[in-house]
Amino acid sequence: MFGSSVPVVEVSTVPADGYLLDVREADEWRAGHAPSAVHIPLGELAQRAAEVPRDRQVYVVCRVGGRSAQAVRALNDAGWTAANVAGGMSAWALAGRDMTSDTGADPAVV
C-alpha cells in the first residue's frame, strides 16, 4: 500500500531512549501509550513538525501502522529520518513493552 519507500522497524528494535512519535488520536493516546512517546496526532503533524527533532532517528507509531506510514513518508520527504514501527501500538503491547494510560485504568490499545 505504501511501497518500499517507507522504512519499517520491528518493535523490539526501538531503543528505550529512541524518539518515539505517536500519531494516534487523543482518545487512543489517553487509553495507552509508551511512557516516553511524544504525541502529535497525524492531522496536526504538518503544523507541528518543527517539534520533531531533525538530528536523530524518529520512530513513528499508530495503532497498527497505516497512519504512521503516512507520517513517515511525509517526514522523510521533508528531510527527517523516520521509520514506521511495524504493527504499531498493537504490536508494542503484544511484545510487552512498557505502556501507561492517562485514564487511571490499565493501559490498552483502542
PDB file of N, CA and C in Angstrom:
ATOM      1  N   MET A   1       0.825  -1.210   0.000  1.00  0.00           N
ATOM      2  CA  MET A   1       0.000   0.000   0.000  1.00  0.00           C
ATOM      3  C   MET A   1       0.859   1.260   0.000  1.00  0.00           C
ATOM      4  N   PHE A   2       1.938   1.245   0.807  1.00  0.00           N
ATOM      5  CA  PHE A   2       2.773   2.433   0.903  1.00  0.00           C
ATOM      6  C   PHE A   2       4.089   2.258   0.164  1.00  0.00           C
ATOM      7  N   GLY A   3       4.321   1.091  -0.415  1.00  0.00           N
ATOM      8  CA  GLY A   3       5.529   0.870  -1.194  1.00  0.00           C
ATOM      9  C   GLY A   3       6.758   0.689  -0.334  1.00  0.00           C
ATOM     10  N   SER A   4       7.871   0.522  -0.994  1.00  0.00           N
ATOM     11  CA  SER A   4       9.117   0.268  -0.283  1.00  0.00           C
ATOM     12  C   SER A   4       9.776   1.549   0.206  1.00  0.00           C
ATOM     13  N   SER A   5       9.206   2.686  -0.077  1.00  0.00           N
ATOM     14  CA  SER A   5       9.824   3.948   0.321  1.00  0.00           C
ATOM     15  C   SER A   5       9.610   4.275   1.794  1.00  0.00           C
ATOM     16  N   VAL A   6       8.842   3.443   2.507  1.00  0.00           N
ATOM     17  CA  VAL A   6       8.603   3.689   3.920  1.00  0.00           C
ATOM     18  C   VAL A   6       9.427   2.692   4.734  1.00  0.00           C
ATOM     19  N   PRO A   7      10.504   3.152   5.380  1.00  0.00           N
ATOM     20  CA  PRO A   7      11.302   2.253   6.212  1.00  0.00           C
ATOM     21  C   PRO A   7      10.475   1.726   7.390  1.00  0.00           C
ATOM     22  N   VAL A   8      10.693   0.470   7.716  1.00  0.00           N
ATOM     23  CA  VAL A   8       9.948  -0.179   8.801  1.00  0.00           C
ATOM     24  C   VAL A   8      10.945  -0.799   9.768  1.00  0.00           C
ATOM     25  N   VAL A   9      10.651  -0.680  11.066  1.00  0.00           N
ATOM     26  CA  VAL A   9      11.456  -1.324  12.107  1.00  0.00           C
ATOM     27  C   VAL A   9      10.545  -2.162  12.984  1.00  0.00           C
ATOM     28  N   GLU A  10      11.081  -3.226  13.516  1.00  0.00           N
ATOM     29  CA  GLU A  10      10.331  -4.070  14.437  1.00  0.00           C
ATOM     30  C   GLU A  10      10.270  -3.397  15.814  1.00  0.00           C
ATOM     31  N   VAL A  11       9.200  -3.675  16.539  1.00  0.00           N
ATOM     32  CA  VAL A  11       9.011  -3.109  17.880  1.00  0.00           C
ATOM     33  C   VAL A  11      10.233  -3.369  18.752  1.00  0.00           C
ATOM     34  N   SER A  12      10.778  -4.566  18.677  1.00  0.00           N
ATOM     35  CA  SER A  12      11.898  -4.958  19.540  1.00  0.00           C
ATOM     36  C   SER A  12      13.166  -4.158  19.274  1.00  0.00           C
ATOM     37  N   THR A  13      13.256  -3.499  18.116  1.00  0.00           N
ATOM     38  CA  THR A  13      14.468  -2.751  17.796  1.00  0.00           C
ATOM     39  C   THR A  13      14.376  -1.267  18.149  1.00  0.00           C
ATOM     40  N   VAL A  14      13.229  -0.814  18.618  1.00  0.00           N
ATOM     41  CA  VAL A  14      13.093   0.589  19.021  1.00  0.00           C
ATOM     42  C   VAL A  14      13.819   0.763  20.352  1.00  0.00           C
ATOM     43  N   PRO A  15      14.875   1.575  20.373  1.00  0.00           N
ATOM     44  CA  PRO A  15      15.627   1.727  21.621  1.00  0.00           C
ATOM     45  C   PRO A  15      14.818   2.444  22.697  1.00  0.00           C
ATOM     46  N   ALA A  16      15.105   2.098  23.943  1.00  0.00           N
ATOM     47  CA  ALA A  16      14.392   2.697  25.078  1.00  0.00           C
ATOM     48  C   ALA A  16      14.522   4.214  25.074  1.00  0.00           C
ATOM     49  N   ASP A  17      15.652   4.730  24.593  1.00  0.00           N
ATOM     50  CA  ASP A  17      15.855   6.174  24.571  1.00  0.00           C
ATOM     51  C   ASP A  17      15.586   6.775  23.189  1.00  0.00           C
ATOM     52  N   GLY A  18      14.961   5.998  22.299  1.00  0.00           N
ATOM     53  CA  GLY A  18      14.645   6.486  20.960  1.00  0.00           C
ATOM     54  C   GLY A  18      13.529   7.519  20.985  1.00  0.00           C
ATOM     55  N   TYR A  19      13.486   8.358  19.966  1.00  0.00           N
ATOM     56  CA  TYR A  19      12.419   9.358  19.850  1.00  0.00           C
ATOM     57  C   TYR A  19      11.221   8.670  19.206  1.00  0.00           C
ATOM     58  N   LEU A  20      10.207   8.386  20.010  1.00  0.00           N
ATOM     59  CA  LEU A  20       9.009   7.689  19.560  1.00  0.00           C
ATOM     60  C   LEU A  20       7.875   8.701  19.400  1.00  0.00           C
ATOM     61  N   LEU A  21       7.409   8.844  18.170  1.00  0.00           N
ATOM     62  CA  LEU A  21       6.337   9.782  17.841  1.00  0.00           C
ATOM     63  C   LEU A  21       5.043   9.002  17.644  1.00  0.00           C
ATOM     64  N   ASP A  22       4.048   9.290  18.463  1.00  0.00           N
ATOM     65  CA  ASP A  22       2.744   8.625  18.406  1.00  0.00           C
ATOM     66  C   ASP A  22       1.783   9.547  17.676  1.00  0.00           C
ATOM     67  N   VAL A  23       1.255   9.098  16.530  1.00  0.00           N
ATOM     68  CA  VAL A  23       0.403   9.952  15.698  1.00  0.00           C
ATOM     69  C   VAL A  23      -1.085   9.583  15.803  1.00  0.00           C
ATOM     70  N   ARG A  24      -1.450   8.841  16.847  1.00  0.00           N
ATOM     71  CA  ARG A  24      -2.852   8.469  17.026  1.00  0.00           C
ATOM     72  C   ARG A  24      -3.671   9.642  17.564  1.00  0.00           C
ATOM     73  N   GLU A  25      -4.983   9.455  17.590  1.00  0.00           N
ATOM     74  CA  GLU A  25      -5.894  10.476  18.107  1.00  0.00           C
ATOM     75  C   GLU A  25      -5.818  10.535  19.636  1.00  0.00           C
ATOM     76  N   ALA A  26      -6.333  11.611  20.212  1.00  0.00           N
ATOM     77  CA  ALA A  26      -6.227  11.855  21.652  1.00  0.00           C
ATOM     78  C   ALA A  26      -6.855  10.744  22.492  1.00  0.00           C
ATOM     79  N   ASP A  27      -8.001  10.207  22.076  1.00  0.00           N
ATOM     80  CA  ASP A  27      -8.632   9.157  22.870  1.00  0.00           C
ATOM     81  C   ASP A  27      -7.795   7.878  22.870  1.00  0.00           C
ATOM     82  N   GLU A  28      -7.151   7.587  21.749  1.00  0.00           N
ATOM     83  CA  GLU A  28      -6.273   6.419  21.670  1.00  0.00           C
ATOM     84  C   GLU A  28      -5.051   6.612  22.573  1.00  0.00           C
ATOM     85  N   TRP A  29      -4.489   7.803  22.542  1.00  0.00           N
ATOM     86  CA  TRP A  29      -3.334   8.147  23.370  1.00  0.00           C
ATOM     87  C   TRP A  29      -3.681   8.005  24.849  1.00  0.00           C
ATOM     88  N   ARG A  30      -4.804   8.581  25.258  1.00  0.00           N
ATOM     89  CA  ARG A  30      -5.189   8.533  26.670  1.00  0.00           C
ATOM     90  C   ARG A  30      -5.351   7.097  27.162  1.00  0.00           C
ATOM     91  N   ALA A  31      -5.854   6.216  26.312  1.00  0.00           N
ATOM     92  CA  ALA A  31      -6.103   4.824  26.711  1.00  0.00           C
ATOM     93  C   ALA A  31      -4.809   4.059  26.955  1.00  0.00           C
ATOM     94  N   GLY A  32      -3.757   4.379  26.200  1.00  0.00           N
ATOM     95  CA  GLY A  32      -2.500   3.685  26.406  1.00  0.00           C
ATOM     96  C   GLY A  32      -1.443   4.111  25.415  1.00  0.00           C
ATOM     97  N   HIS A  33      -0.261   4.414  25.929  1.00  0.00           N
ATOM     98  CA  HIS A  33       0.854   4.837  25.084  1.00  0.00           C
ATOM     99  C   HIS A  33       2.175   4.485  25.760  1.00  0.00           C
ATOM    100  N   ALA A  34       3.238   4.513  24.983  1.00  0.00           N
ATOM    101  CA  ALA A  34       4.568   4.314  25.539  1.00  0.00           C
ATOM    102  C   ALA A  34       4.901   5.506  26.435  1.00  0.00           C
ATOM    103  N   PRO A  35       5.474   5.255  27.606  1.00  0.00           N
ATOM    104  CA  PRO A  35       5.723   6.350  28.551  1.00  0.00           C
ATOM    105  C   PRO A  35       6.570   7.491  27.992  1.00  0.00           C
ATOM    106  N   SER A  36       7.536   7.185  27.139  1.00  0.00           N
ATOM    107  CA  SER A  36       8.428   8.231  26.637  1.00  0.00           C
ATOM    108  C   SER A  36       8.000   8.799  25.288  1.00  0.00           C
ATOM    109  N   ALA A  37       6.876   8.347  24.764  1.00  0.00           N
ATOM    110  CA  ALA A  37       6.428   8.802  23.445  1.00  0.00           C
ATOM    111  C   ALA A  37       6.010  10.269  23.473  1.00  0.00           C
ATOM    112  N   VAL A  38       6.096  10.886  22.306  1.00  0.00           N
ATOM    113  CA  VAL A  38       5.615  12.251  22.095  1.00  0.00           C
ATOM    114  C   VAL A  38       4.352  12.136  21.260  1.00  0.00           C
ATOM    115  N   HIS A  39       3.308  12.841  21.660  1.00  0.00           N
ATOM    116  CA  HIS A  39       2.014  12.736  20.976  1.00  0.00           C
ATOM    117  C   HIS A  39       1.772  13.920  20.061  1.00  0.00           C
ATOM    118  N   ILE A  40       1.708  13.648  18.774  1.00  0.00           N
ATOM    119  CA  ILE A  40       1.274  14.634  17.786  1.00  0.00           C
ATOM    120  C   ILE A  40       0.345  13.888  16.830  1.00  0.00           C
ATOM    121  N   PRO A  41      -0.968  14.101  16.942  1.00  0.00           N
ATOM    122  CA  PRO A  41      -1.888  13.403  16.034  1.00  0.00           C
ATOM    123  C   PRO A  41      -1.539  13.672  14.573  1.00  0.00           C
ATOM    124  N   LEU A  42      -1.765  12.681  13.721  1.00  0.00           N
ATOM    125  CA  LEU A  42      -1.423  12.802  12.311  1.00  0.00           C
ATOM    126  C   LEU A  42      -1.997  14.073  11.692  1.00  0.00           C
ATOM    127  N   GLY A  43      -3.221  14.421  12.040  1.00  0.00           N
ATOM    128  CA  GLY A  43      -3.858  15.606  11.485  1.00  0.00           C
ATOM    129  C   GLY A  43      -3.205  16.915  11.888  1.00  0.00           C
ATOM    130  N   GLU A  44      -2.357  16.892  12.920  1.00  0.00           N
ATOM    131  CA  GLU A  44      -1.657  18.087  13.389  1.00  0.00           C
ATOM    132  C   GLU A  44      -0.180  18.105  12.992  1.00  0.00           C
ATOM    133  N   LEU A  45       0.294  17.012  12.391  1.00  0.00           N
ATOM    134  CA  LEU A  45       1.727  16.876  12.150  1.00  0.00           C
ATOM    135  C   LEU A  45       2.283  17.972  11.244  1.00  0.00           C
ATOM    136  N   ALA A  46       1.575  18.332  10.196  1.00  0.00           N
ATOM    137  CA  ALA A  46       2.079  19.367   9.286  1.00  0.00           C
ATOM    138  C   ALA A  46       2.318  20.682  10.026  1.00  0.00           C
ATOM    139  N   GLN A  47       1.399  21.056  10.923  1.00  0.00           N
ATOM    140  CA  GLN A  47       1.529  22.314  11.661  1.00  0.00           C
ATOM    141  C   GLN A  47       2.551  22.227  12.788  1.00  0.00           C
ATOM    142  N   ARG A  48       2.800  21.007  13.305  1.00  0.00           N
ATOM    143  CA  ARG A  48       3.663  20.848  14.474  1.00  0.00           C
ATOM    144  C   ARG A  48       4.982  20.151  14.161  1.00  0.00           C
ATOM    145  N   ALA A  49       5.303  19.991  12.902  1.00  0.00           N
ATOM    146  CA  ALA A  49       6.504  19.248  12.508  1.00  0.00           C
ATOM    147  C   ALA A  49       7.776  19.819  13.128  1.00  0.00           C
ATOM    148  N   ALA A  50       7.816  21.114  13.354  1.00  0.00           N
ATOM    149  CA  ALA A  50       9.014  21.732  13.933  1.00  0.00           C
ATOM    150  C   ALA A  50       9.320  21.195  15.331  1.00  0.00           C
ATOM    151  N   GLU A  51       8.336  20.568  15.978  1.00  0.00           N
ATOM    152  CA  GLU A  51       8.551  19.979  17.307  1.00  0.00           C
ATOM    153  C   GLU A  51       9.327  18.669  17.236  1.00  0.00           C
ATOM    154  N   VAL A  52       9.417  18.081  16.056  1.00  0.00           N
ATOM    155  CA  VAL A  52      10.083  16.788  15.878  1.00  0.00           C
ATOM    156  C   VAL A  52      11.553  17.043  15.559  1.00  0.00           C
ATOM    157  N   PRO A  53      12.466  16.423  16.305  1.00  0.00           N
ATOM    158  CA  PRO A  53      13.885  16.681  16.058  1.00  0.00           C
ATOM    159  C   PRO A  53      14.337  16.155  14.702  1.00  0.00           C
ATOM    160  N   ARG A  54      15.198  16.928  14.060  1.00  0.00           N
ATOM    161  CA  ARG A  54      15.750  16.527  12.763  1.00  0.00           C
ATOM    162  C   ARG A  54      17.096  15.835  12.915  1.00  0.00           C
ATOM    163  N   ASP A  55      17.687  15.910  14.107  1.00  0.00           N
ATOM    164  CA  ASP A  55      19.050  15.420  14.293  1.00  0.00           C
ATOM    165  C   ASP A  55      19.129  14.007  14.853  1.00  0.00           C
ATOM    166  N   ARG A  56      18.012  13.276  14.832  1.00  0.00           N
ATOM    167  CA  ARG A  56      18.034  11.898  15.319  1.00  0.00           C
ATOM    168  C   ARG A  56      16.961  11.079  14.622  1.00  0.00           C
ATOM    169  N   GLN A  57      17.094   9.781  14.711  1.00  0.00           N
ATOM    170  CA  GLN A  57      16.109   8.859  14.147  1.00  0.00           C
ATOM    171  C   GLN A  57      14.770   9.062  14.845  1.00  0.00           C
ATOM    172  N   VAL A  58      13.693   9.095  14.071  1.00  0.00           N
ATOM    173  CA  VAL A  58      12.342   9.210  14.608  1.00  0.00           C
ATOM    174  C   VAL A  58      11.620   7.900  14.328  1.00  0.00           C
ATOM    175  N   TYR A  59      11.065   7.303  15.370  1.00  0.00           N
ATOM    176  CA  TYR A  59      10.271   6.087  15.256  1.00  0.00           C
ATOM    177  C   TYR A  59       8.815   6.503  15.377  1.00  0.00           C
ATOM    178  N   VAL A  60       7.996   6.157  14.385  1.00  0.00           N
ATOM    179  CA  VAL A  60       6.614   6.631  14.350  1.00  0.00           C
ATOM    180  C   VAL A  60       5.675   5.458  14.551  1.00  0.00           C
ATOM    181  N   VAL A  61       4.677   5.673  15.403  1.00  0.00           N
ATOM    182  CA  VAL A  61       3.748   4.603  15.762  1.00  0.00           C
ATOM    183  C   VAL A  61       2.312   5.116  15.724  1.00  0.00           C
ATOM    184  N   CYS A  62       1.403   4.228  15.332  1.00  0.00           N
ATOM    185  CA  CYS A  62      -0.038   4.473  15.458  1.00  0.00           C
ATOM    186  C   CYS A  62      -0.635   3.192  16.029  1.00  0.00           C
ATOM    187  N   ARG A  63      -1.866   2.854  15.705  1.00  0.00           N
ATOM    188  CA  ARG A  63      -2.452   1.628  16.261  1.00  0.00           C
ATOM    189  C   ARG A  63      -1.881   0.381  15.600  1.00  0.00           C
ATOM    190  N   VAL A  64      -1.891   0.325  14.254  1.00  0.00           N
ATOM    191  CA  VAL A  64      -1.374  -0.868  13.569  1.00  0.00           C
ATOM    192  C   VAL A  64      -0.374  -0.553  12.467  1.00  0.00           C
ATOM    193  N   GLY A  65      -0.166   0.690  12.077  1.00  0.00           N
ATOM    194  CA  GLY A  65       0.867   1.032  11.123  1.00  0.00           C
ATOM    195  C   GLY A  65       0.467   1.854   9.918  1.00  0.00           C
ATOM    196  N   GLY A  66      -0.809   2.042   9.656  1.00  0.00           N
ATOM    197  CA  GLY A  66      -1.237   2.798   8.475  1.00  0.00           C
ATOM    198  C   GLY A  66      -0.999   4.291   8.582  1.00  0.00           C
ATOM    199  N   ARG A  67      -1.465   4.888   9.650  1.00  0.00           N
ATOM    200  CA  ARG A  67      -1.274   6.338   9.822  1.00  0.00           C
ATOM    201  C   ARG A  67       0.192   6.677  10.024  1.00  0.00           C
ATOM    202  N   SER A  68       0.889   5.828  10.768  1.00  0.00           N
ATOM    203  CA  SER A  68       2.311   6.096  10.990  1.00  0.00           C
ATOM    204  C   SER A  68       3.098   5.995   9.692  1.00  0.00           C
ATOM    205  N   ALA A  69       2.703   5.106   8.777  1.00  0.00           N
ATOM    206  CA  ALA A  69       3.372   5.029   7.477  1.00  0.00           C
ATOM    207  C   ALA A  69       3.193   6.334   6.705  1.00  0.00           C
ATOM    208  N   GLN A  70       2.011   6.913   6.781  1.00  0.00           N
ATOM    209  CA  GLN A  70       1.776   8.209   6.131  1.00  0.00           C
ATOM    210  C   GLN A  70       2.680   9.277   6.737  1.00  0.00           C
ATOM    211  N   ALA A  71       2.790   9.268   8.058  1.00  0.00           N
ATOM    212  CA  ALA A  71       3.635  10.253   8.744  1.00  0.00           C
ATOM    213  C   ALA A  71       5.097  10.063   8.378  1.00  0.00           C
ATOM    214  N   VAL A  72       5.552   8.811   8.326  1.00  0.00           N
ATOM    215  CA  VAL A  72       6.941   8.529   7.966  1.00  0.00           C
ATOM    216  C   VAL A  72       7.243   9.036   6.562  1.00  0.00           C
ATOM    217  N   ARG A  73       6.358   8.753   5.637  1.00  0.00           N
ATOM    218  CA  ARG A  73       6.581   9.223   4.260  1.00  0.00           C
ATOM    219  C   ARG A  73       6.681  10.749   4.234  1.00  0.00           C
ATOM    220  N   ALA A  74       5.768  11.438   4.904  1.00  0.00           N
ATOM    221  CA  ALA A  74       5.779  12.905   4.908  1.00  0.00           C
ATOM    222  C   ALA A  74       7.052  13.440   5.567  1.00  0.00           C
ATOM    223  N   LEU A  75       7.428  12.873   6.703  1.00  0.00           N
ATOM    224  CA  LEU A  75       8.628  13.339   7.396  1.00  0.00           C
ATOM    225  C   LEU A  75       9.873  13.098   6.550  1.00  0.00           C
ATOM    226  N   ASN A  76      10.013  11.899   6.007  1.00  0.00           N
ATOM    227  CA  ASN A  76      11.199  11.599   5.201  1.00  0.00           C
ATOM    228  C   ASN A  76      11.262  12.471   3.954  1.00  0.00           C
ATOM    229  N   ASP A  77      10.106  12.720   3.324  1.00  0.00           N
ATOM    230  CA  ASP A  77      10.075  13.595   2.147  1.00  0.00           C
ATOM    231  C   ASP A  77      10.500  15.022   2.488  1.00  0.00           C
ATOM    232  N   ALA A  78      10.309  15.415   3.762  1.00  0.00           N
ATOM    233  CA  ALA A  78      10.645  16.772   4.190  1.00  0.00           C
ATOM    234  C   ALA A  78      12.017  16.861   4.868  1.00  0.00           C
ATOM    235  N   GLY A  79      12.781  15.756   4.855  1.00  0.00           N
ATOM    236  CA  GLY A  79      14.140  15.827   5.355  1.00  0.00           C
ATOM    237  C   GLY A  79      14.434  15.166   6.685  1.00  0.00           C
ATOM    238  N   TRP A  80      13.452  14.608   7.354  1.00  0.00           N
ATOM    239  CA  TRP A  80      13.690  13.877   8.589  1.00  0.00           C
ATOM    240  C   TRP A  80      14.179  12.475   8.257  1.00  0.00           C
ATOM    241  N   THR A  81      14.647  11.769   9.271  1.00  0.00           N
ATOM    242  CA  THR A  81      14.975  10.347   9.166  1.00  0.00           C
ATOM    243  C   THR A  81      14.000   9.626  10.076  1.00  0.00           C
ATOM    244  N   ALA A  82      12.980   9.003   9.476  1.00  0.00           N
ATOM    245  CA  ALA A  82      11.909   8.376  10.245  1.00  0.00           C
ATOM    246  C   ALA A  82      11.667   6.960   9.761  1.00  0.00           C
ATOM    247  N   ALA A  83      11.153   6.130  10.664  1.00  0.00           N
ATOM    248  CA  ALA A  83      10.805   4.749  10.337  1.00  0.00           C
ATOM    249  C   ALA A  83       9.488   4.394  11.015  1.00  0.00           C
ATOM    250  N   ASN A  84       8.722   3.569  10.336  1.00  0.00           N
ATOM    251  CA  ASN A  84       7.434   3.103  10.828  1.00  0.00           C
ATOM    252  C   ASN A  84       7.645   1.914  11.767  1.00  0.00           C
ATOM    253  N   VAL A  85       7.011   1.945  12.927  1.00  0.00           N
ATOM    254  CA  VAL A  85       7.088   0.825  13.862  1.00  0.00           C
ATOM    255  C   VAL A  85       6.077  -0.229  13.416  1.00  0.00           C
ATOM    256  N   ALA A  86       6.587  -1.386  12.971  1.00  0.00           N
ATOM    257  CA  ALA A  86       5.743  -2.455  12.432  1.00  0.00           C
ATOM    258  C   ALA A  86       4.704  -2.914  13.447  1.00  0.00           C
ATOM    259  N   GLY A  87       3.452  -2.927  13.019  1.00  0.00           N
ATOM    260  CA  GLY A  87       2.376  -3.409  13.879  1.00  0.00           C
ATOM    261  C   GLY A  87       1.863  -2.402  14.873  1.00  0.00           C
ATOM    262  N   GLY A  88       2.494  -1.240  14.950  1.00  0.00           N
ATOM    263  CA  GLY A  88       2.028  -0.153  15.797  1.00  0.00           C
ATOM    264  C   GLY A  88       1.938  -0.500  17.273  1.00  0.00           C
ATOM    265  N   MET A  89       1.066   0.211  17.955  1.00  0.00           N
ATOM    266  CA  MET A  89       0.891   0.003  19.393  1.00  0.00           C
ATOM    267  C   MET A  89       0.296  -1.362  19.687  1.00  0.00           C
ATOM    268  N   SER A  90      -0.415  -1.946  18.740  1.00  0.00           N
ATOM    269  CA  SER A  90      -0.913  -3.308  18.946  1.00  0.00           C
ATOM    270  C   SER A  90       0.260  -4.263  19.129  1.00  0.00           C
ATOM    271  N   ALA A  91       1.265  -4.159  18.259  1.00  0.00           N
ATOM    272  CA  ALA A  91       2.459  -4.997  18.381  1.00  0.00           C
ATOM    273  C   ALA A  91       3.266  -4.626  19.621  1.00  0.00           C
ATOM    274  N   TRP A  92       3.306  -3.332  19.937  1.00  0.00           N
ATOM    275  CA  TRP A  92       4.022  -2.854  21.128  1.00  0.00           C
ATOM    276  C   TRP A  92       3.466  -3.540  22.372  1.00  0.00           C
ATOM    277  N   ALA A  93       2.148  -3.537  22.501  1.00  0.00           N
ATOM    278  CA  ALA A  93       1.505  -4.158  23.664  1.00  0.00           C
ATOM    279  C   ALA A  93       1.751  -5.670  23.683  1.00  0.00           C
ATOM    280  N   LEU A  94       1.620  -6.309  22.528  1.00  0.00           N
ATOM    281  CA  LEU A  94       1.842  -7.755  22.448  1.00  0.00           C
ATOM    282  C   LEU A  94       3.275  -8.136  22.805  1.00  0.00           C
ATOM    283  N   ALA A  95       4.208  -7.252  22.515  1.00  0.00           N
ATOM    284  CA  ALA A  95       5.617  -7.502  22.827  1.00  0.00           C
ATOM    285  C   ALA A  95       5.930  -7.257  24.300  1.00  0.00           C
ATOM    286  N   GLY A  96       4.968  -6.735  25.042  1.00  0.00           N
ATOM    287  CA  GLY A  96       5.176  -6.480  26.463  1.00  0.00           C
ATOM    288  C   GLY A  96       6.000  -5.245  26.760  1.00  0.00           C
ATOM    289  N   ARG A  97       6.084  -4.342  25.798  1.00  0.00           N
ATOM    290  CA  ARG A  97       6.820  -3.096  26.028  1.00  0.00           C
ATOM    291  C   ARG A  97       6.025  -2.225  27.000  1.00  0.00           C
ATOM    292  N   ASP A  98       6.715  -1.367  27.729  1.00  0.00           N
ATOM    293  CA  ASP A  98       6.075  -0.518  28.733  1.00  0.00           C
ATOM    294  C   ASP A  98       4.993   0.356  28.124  1.00  0.00           C
ATOM    295  N   MET A  99       3.884   0.471  28.860  1.00  0.00           N
ATOM    296  CA  MET A  99       2.778   1.346  28.470  1.00  0.00           C
ATOM    297  C   MET A  99       2.221   2.006  29.719  1.00  0.00           C
ATOM    298  N   THR A 100       1.594   3.155  29.498  1.00  0.00           N
ATOM    299  CA  THR A 100       0.910   3.874  30.554  1.00  0.00           C
ATOM    300  C   THR A 100      -0.376   4.432  29.979  1.00  0.00           C
ATOM    301  N   SER A 101      -1.277   4.868  30.850  1.00  0.00           N
ATOM    302  CA  SER A 101      -2.511   5.498  30.368  1.00  0.00           C
ATOM    303  C   SER A 101      -2.735   6.794  31.113  1.00  0.00           C
ATOM    304  N   ASP A 102      -3.578   7.643  30.547  1.00  0.00           N
ATOM    305  CA  ASP A 102      -3.920   8.899  31.192  1.00  0.00           C
ATOM    306  C   ASP A 102      -5.284   8.823  31.862  1.00  0.00           C
ATOM    307  N   THR A 103      -5.866   7.626  31.908  1.00  0.00           N
ATOM    308  CA  THR A 103      -7.239   7.471  32.407  1.00  0.00           C
ATOM    309  C   THR A 103      -7.291   6.905  33.828  1.00  0.00           C
ATOM    310  N   GLY A 104      -6.180   6.413  34.341  1.00  0.00           N
ATOM    311  CA  GLY A 104      -6.185   5.748  35.623  1.00  0.00           C
ATOM    312  C   GLY A 104      -6.461   4.257  35.505  1.00  0.00           C
ATOM    313  N   ALA A 105      -6.920   3.817  34.357  1.00  0.00           N
ATOM    314  CA  ALA A 105      -7.151   2.404  34.103  1.00  0.00           C
ATOM    315  C   ALA A 105      -5.877   1.771  33.563  1.00  0.00           C
ATOM    316  N   ASP A 106      -5.871   0.440  33.504  1.00  0.00           N
ATOM    317  CA  ASP A 106      -4.732  -0.243  32.893  1.00  0.00           C
ATOM    318  C   ASP A 106      -4.612   0.228  31.450  1.00  0.00           C
ATOM    319  N   PRO A 107      -3.389   0.412  30.957  1.00  0.00           N
ATOM    320  CA  PRO A 107      -3.225   0.857  29.589  1.00  0.00           C
ATOM    321  C   PRO A 107      -3.763  -0.168  28.586  1.00  0.00           C
ATOM    322  N   ALA A 108      -4.358   0.338  27.519  1.00  0.00           N
ATOM    323  CA  ALA A 108      -4.937  -0.514  26.480  1.00  0.00           C
ATOM    324  C   ALA A 108      -4.761   0.172  25.127  1.00  0.00           C
ATOM    325  N   VAL A 109      -4.731  -0.627  24.079  1.00  0.00           N
ATOM    326  CA  VAL A 109      -4.685  -0.106  22.719  1.00  0.00           C
ATOM    327  C   VAL A 109      -6.108  -0.144  22.199  1.00  0.00           C
ATOM    328  N   VAL A 110      -6.641   1.046  21.853  1.00  0.00           N
ATOM    329  CA  VAL A 110      -8.023   1.129  21.331  1.00  0.00           C
ATOM    330  C   VAL A 110      -8.009   1.661  19.917  1.00  0.00           C
TER     331      VAL A 110
END
